[in-house]
Amino acid sequence: MSDFEIADGLGEVLAVTATPDTLLFGFGLEQLESDAARAEVVARMLAHFAG
């Protein structure tokens, strides 16, 4: 028996800690609801590092 449940999505809760050279996500990209949502997050990640 397990106390863990797999969520259907993240809802509106997203947690990211950022420094100039690091992004630490409190979720996995696979948990985002669509390819478009994943592409948006990855684009924002790259923009963070591009300055």
Protein backbone atom coordinates (compact mmCIF):
# COMPACT_ATOMS: atom_id res chain seq x y z
CA MET A 1 0.00 0.00 0.00
CA SER A 2 1.26 3.48 -0.84
CA ASP A 3 0.41 6.94 0.46
CA PHE A 4 1.51 8.58 -2.79
CA GLU A 5 -0.79 9.67 -5.58
CA ILE A 6 0.13 10.72 -9.10
CA ALA A 7 -1.37 14.11 -9.93
CA ASP A 8 -3.15 14.81 -13.21
CA GLY A 9 -1.38 18.17 -13.46
CA LEU A 10 0.07 21.01 -11.49
CA GLY A 11 -2.88 23.36 -11.53
CA GLU A 12 -1.69 26.90 -10.91
CA VAL A 13 1.09 25.91 -8.49
CA LEU A 14 4.61 26.22 -9.89
CA ALA A 15 7.76 26.69 -7.85
CA VAL A 16 11.15 27.73 -9.25
CA THR A 17 14.21 29.02 -7.43
CA ALA A 18 16.52 31.09 -9.64
CA THR A 19 20.09 32.33 -9.38
CA PRO A 20 22.11 33.86 -12.22
CA ASP A 21 23.43 30.42 -13.24
CA THR A 22 20.85 27.96 -11.87
CA LEU A 23 17.15 27.18 -12.09
CA LEU A 24 15.73 24.66 -9.60
CA PHE A 25 12.22 23.51 -10.43
CA GLY A 26 9.83 22.05 -7.87
CA PHE A 27 8.21 19.99 -10.65
CA GLY A 28 9.16 18.05 -13.76
CA LEU A 29 8.50 19.36 -17.25
CA GLU A 30 6.63 16.13 -17.97
CA GLN A 31 3.99 17.28 -15.47
CA LEU A 32 3.00 20.28 -17.58
CA GLU A 33 -0.30 19.88 -19.38
CA SER A 34 0.82 20.24 -23.00
CA ASP A 35 3.73 20.45 -25.41
CA ALA A 36 2.99 24.17 -25.78
CA ALA A 37 3.28 24.69 -22.01
CA ARG A 38 6.59 22.79 -21.96
CA ALA A 39 7.90 24.84 -24.89
CA GLU A 40 6.98 28.07 -23.11
CA VAL A 41 8.80 27.03 -19.92
CA VAL A 42 11.90 25.93 -21.85
CA ALA A 43 11.91 29.23 -23.79
CA ARG A 44 11.71 31.15 -20.51
CA MET A 45 14.55 29.01 -19.09
CA LEU A 46 16.76 29.82 -22.07
CA ALA A 47 15.86 33.51 -21.84
CA HIS A 48 16.89 33.48 -18.18
CA PHE A 49 20.37 32.23 -19.09
CA ALA A 50 20.70 34.52 -22.12
CA GLY A 51 20.35 37.52 -19.83
